[in-house]
Amino acid sequence: MPERFNVKVNNALWECLPVEDRRQVDELVVAGRHIQAIALMRERAGLPRPDLRDCVDLLELRAQVLRG
């Protein structure tokens, strides 16, 4: 998988995630495992848990970046 997880994303939720979690989110997005990617975001971003809408927005943004 290309190292695109480092692509700058203007998203507060993305910035909250540690680098390894960002990589895992991207791997799940590429694999089409969107629910698991959202669950990982919510679990690893810390408290308070991010809103589901914010996770979906980030998921869409990452999918666009990874499609190139």
N, C-alpha and C. Protein backbone atom coordinates (compact mmCIF):
# COMPACT_ATOMS: atom_id res chain seq x y z
N MET A 1 0.84 -1.17 0.00
CA MET A 1 0.00 0.00 0.00
C MET A 1 0.89 1.24 0.00
N PRO A 2 0.58 2.22 -0.83
CA PRO A 2 1.39 3.43 -0.85
C PRO A 2 1.32 4.15 0.49
N GLU A 3 2.40 4.84 0.82
CA GLU A 3 2.46 5.58 2.07
C GLU A 3 1.70 6.89 1.94
N ARG A 4 0.41 6.83 1.81
CA ARG A 4 -0.40 8.03 1.66
C ARG A 4 -1.00 8.48 2.98
N PHE A 5 -0.78 7.71 4.03
CA PHE A 5 -1.36 8.10 5.31
C PHE A 5 -0.75 9.39 5.83
N ASN A 6 0.41 9.76 5.32
CA ASN A 6 1.05 10.99 5.74
C ASN A 6 0.55 12.22 5.00
N VAL A 7 -0.30 12.04 4.00
CA VAL A 7 -0.83 13.17 3.26
C VAL A 7 -1.54 14.09 4.24
N LYS A 8 -1.23 15.37 4.18
CA LYS A 8 -1.80 16.35 5.11
C LYS A 8 -3.30 16.41 4.94
N VAL A 9 -4.00 16.25 6.03
CA VAL A 9 -5.45 16.30 6.05
C VAL A 9 -5.85 17.34 7.08
N ASN A 10 -6.65 18.28 6.66
CA ASN A 10 -7.11 19.33 7.57
C ASN A 10 -8.34 18.81 8.31
N ASN A 11 -8.09 17.99 9.33
CA ASN A 11 -9.18 17.37 10.06
C ASN A 11 -8.71 17.14 11.50
N ALA A 12 -9.43 17.70 12.44
CA ALA A 12 -9.05 17.60 13.85
C ALA A 12 -9.03 16.15 14.34
N LEU A 13 -9.97 15.35 13.88
CA LEU A 13 -10.01 13.94 14.30
C LEU A 13 -8.77 13.21 13.80
N TRP A 14 -8.38 13.44 12.57
CA TRP A 14 -7.18 12.80 12.01
C TRP A 14 -5.95 13.17 12.83
N GLU A 15 -5.88 14.43 13.25
CA GLU A 15 -4.75 14.90 14.03
C GLU A 15 -4.71 14.26 15.42
N CYS A 16 -5.85 13.85 15.95
CA CYS A 16 -5.91 13.20 17.27
C CYS A 16 -5.38 11.77 17.24
N LEU A 17 -5.41 11.15 16.08
CA LEU A 17 -5.02 9.75 15.98
C LEU A 17 -3.50 9.60 15.89
N PRO A 18 -2.94 8.68 16.64
CA PRO A 18 -1.51 8.38 16.51
C PRO A 18 -1.20 7.86 15.10
N VAL A 19 0.04 7.99 14.69
CA VAL A 19 0.45 7.62 13.33
C VAL A 19 0.08 6.17 13.00
N GLU A 20 0.33 5.25 13.91
CA GLU A 20 0.02 3.84 13.63
C GLU A 20 -1.47 3.63 13.45
N ASP A 21 -2.29 4.33 14.21
CA ASP A 21 -3.74 4.22 14.05
C ASP A 21 -4.18 4.81 12.72
N ARG A 22 -3.54 5.87 12.27
CA ARG A 22 -3.85 6.44 10.95
C ARG A 22 -3.58 5.42 9.86
N ARG A 23 -2.45 4.73 9.99
CA ARG A 23 -2.11 3.70 9.01
C ARG A 23 -3.17 2.59 9.00
N GLN A 24 -3.60 2.18 10.18
CA GLN A 24 -4.62 1.13 10.27
C GLN A 24 -5.95 1.59 9.68
N VAL A 25 -6.32 2.84 9.95
CA VAL A 25 -7.56 3.39 9.37
C VAL A 25 -7.47 3.32 7.85
N ASP A 26 -6.34 3.78 7.29
CA ASP A 26 -6.18 3.76 5.84
C ASP A 26 -6.24 2.35 5.28
N GLU A 27 -5.63 1.40 5.97
CA GLU A 27 -5.67 0.01 5.50
C GLU A 27 -7.11 -0.50 5.47
N LEU A 28 -7.88 -0.17 6.50
CA LEU A 28 -9.29 -0.59 6.55
C LEU A 28 -10.10 0.09 5.45
N VAL A 29 -9.84 1.36 5.20
CA VAL A 29 -10.56 2.09 4.14
C VAL A 29 -10.27 1.44 2.79
N VAL A 30 -9.01 1.16 2.52
CA VAL A 30 -8.62 0.54 1.25
C VAL A 30 -9.29 -0.82 1.09
N ALA A 31 -9.42 -1.56 2.18
CA ALA A 31 -10.02 -2.89 2.14
C ALA A 31 -11.55 -2.84 2.09
N GLY A 32 -12.11 -1.63 2.16
CA GLY A 32 -13.57 -1.50 2.14
C GLY A 32 -14.22 -1.83 3.47
N ARG A 33 -13.45 -1.84 4.52
CA ARG A 33 -13.97 -2.18 5.85
C ARG A 33 -14.27 -0.90 6.62
N HIS A 34 -15.25 -0.18 6.13
CA HIS A 34 -15.56 1.16 6.63
C HIS A 34 -16.08 1.18 8.06
N ILE A 35 -16.89 0.23 8.41
CA ILE A 35 -17.42 0.19 9.78
C ILE A 35 -16.28 -0.05 10.77
N GLN A 36 -15.37 -0.93 10.42
CA GLN A 36 -14.23 -1.19 11.30
C GLN A 36 -13.33 0.04 11.39
N ALA A 37 -13.18 0.77 10.29
CA ALA A 37 -12.37 2.00 10.31
C ALA A 37 -12.99 3.03 11.24
N ILE A 38 -14.30 3.18 11.17
CA ILE A 38 -14.99 4.13 12.05
C ILE A 38 -14.88 3.69 13.51
N ALA A 39 -15.04 2.41 13.77
CA ALA A 39 -14.91 1.90 15.13
C ALA A 39 -13.51 2.18 15.68
N LEU A 40 -12.50 1.99 14.85
CA LEU A 40 -11.12 2.26 15.27
C LEU A 40 -10.94 3.74 15.58
N MET A 41 -11.47 4.61 14.73
CA MET A 41 -11.37 6.05 14.98
C MET A 41 -11.99 6.41 16.33
N ARG A 42 -13.19 5.90 16.57
CA ARG A 42 -13.90 6.24 17.80
C ARG A 42 -13.19 5.68 19.03
N GLU A 43 -12.60 4.51 18.88
CA GLU A 43 -11.92 3.86 20.00
C GLU A 43 -10.59 4.54 20.35
N ARG A 44 -9.85 4.95 19.34
CA ARG A 44 -8.48 5.42 19.55
C ARG A 44 -8.32 6.93 19.65
N ALA A 45 -9.35 7.69 19.33
CA ALA A 45 -9.22 9.16 19.32
C ALA A 45 -9.23 9.75 20.73
N GLY A 46 -9.61 8.96 21.71
CA GLY A 46 -9.64 9.47 23.07
C GLY A 46 -11.02 9.99 23.44
N LEU A 47 -11.07 10.55 24.64
CA LEU A 47 -12.35 11.06 25.14
C LEU A 47 -12.39 12.57 25.03
N PRO A 48 -13.50 13.15 24.80
CA PRO A 48 -14.77 12.50 24.48
C PRO A 48 -14.70 11.84 23.11
N ARG A 49 -15.44 10.77 22.96
CA ARG A 49 -15.45 10.05 21.69
C ARG A 49 -15.94 10.95 20.58
N PRO A 50 -15.33 10.84 19.42
CA PRO A 50 -15.77 11.66 18.30
C PRO A 50 -17.18 11.28 17.85
N ASP A 51 -17.88 12.25 17.34
CA ASP A 51 -19.22 12.05 16.82
C ASP A 51 -19.15 11.14 15.59
N LEU A 52 -20.15 10.31 15.41
CA LEU A 52 -20.21 9.41 14.28
C LEU A 52 -20.11 10.18 12.96
N ARG A 53 -20.77 11.33 12.89
CA ARG A 53 -20.73 12.16 11.68
C ARG A 53 -19.30 12.59 11.34
N ASP A 54 -18.54 12.95 12.36
CA ASP A 54 -17.15 13.35 12.14
C ASP A 54 -16.32 12.18 11.60
N CYS A 55 -16.58 11.00 12.10
CA CYS A 55 -15.88 9.80 11.62
C CYS A 55 -16.22 9.51 10.16
N VAL A 56 -17.48 9.64 9.81
CA VAL A 56 -17.91 9.39 8.43
C VAL A 56 -17.27 10.43 7.51
N ASP A 57 -17.23 11.68 7.94
CA ASP A 57 -16.60 12.73 7.13
C ASP A 57 -15.12 12.42 6.91
N LEU A 58 -14.44 11.99 7.96
CA LEU A 58 -13.03 11.65 7.82
C LEU A 58 -12.86 10.43 6.92
N LEU A 59 -13.72 9.47 7.05
CA LEU A 59 -13.68 8.28 6.20
C LEU A 59 -13.78 8.67 4.73
N GLU A 60 -14.71 9.54 4.40
CA GLU A 60 -14.86 10.00 3.02
C GLU A 60 -13.63 10.75 2.54
N LEU A 61 -13.08 11.58 3.40
CA LEU A 61 -11.88 12.34 3.05
C LEU A 61 -10.70 11.41 2.79
N ARG A 62 -10.51 10.42 3.66
CA ARG A 62 -9.41 9.48 3.47
C ARG A 62 -9.61 8.64 2.22
N ALA A 63 -10.84 8.25 1.94
CA ALA A 63 -11.10 7.47 0.71
C ALA A 63 -10.70 8.27 -0.52
N GLN A 64 -11.01 9.57 -0.53
CA GLN A 64 -10.63 10.43 -1.66
C GLN A 64 -9.11 10.51 -1.80
N VAL A 65 -8.43 10.70 -0.69
CA VAL A 65 -6.96 10.80 -0.72
C VAL A 65 -6.36 9.50 -1.22
N LEU A 66 -6.86 8.38 -0.74
CA LEU A 66 -6.28 7.09 -1.09
C LEU A 66 -6.58 6.68 -2.54
N ARG A 67 -7.68 7.20 -3.09
CA ARG A 67 -7.98 6.94 -4.50
C ARG A 67 -7.03 7.71 -5.41
N GLY A 68 -6.43 8.76 -4.85
CA GLY A 68 -5.47 9.56 -5.61
C GLY A 68 -6.12 10.56 -6.41
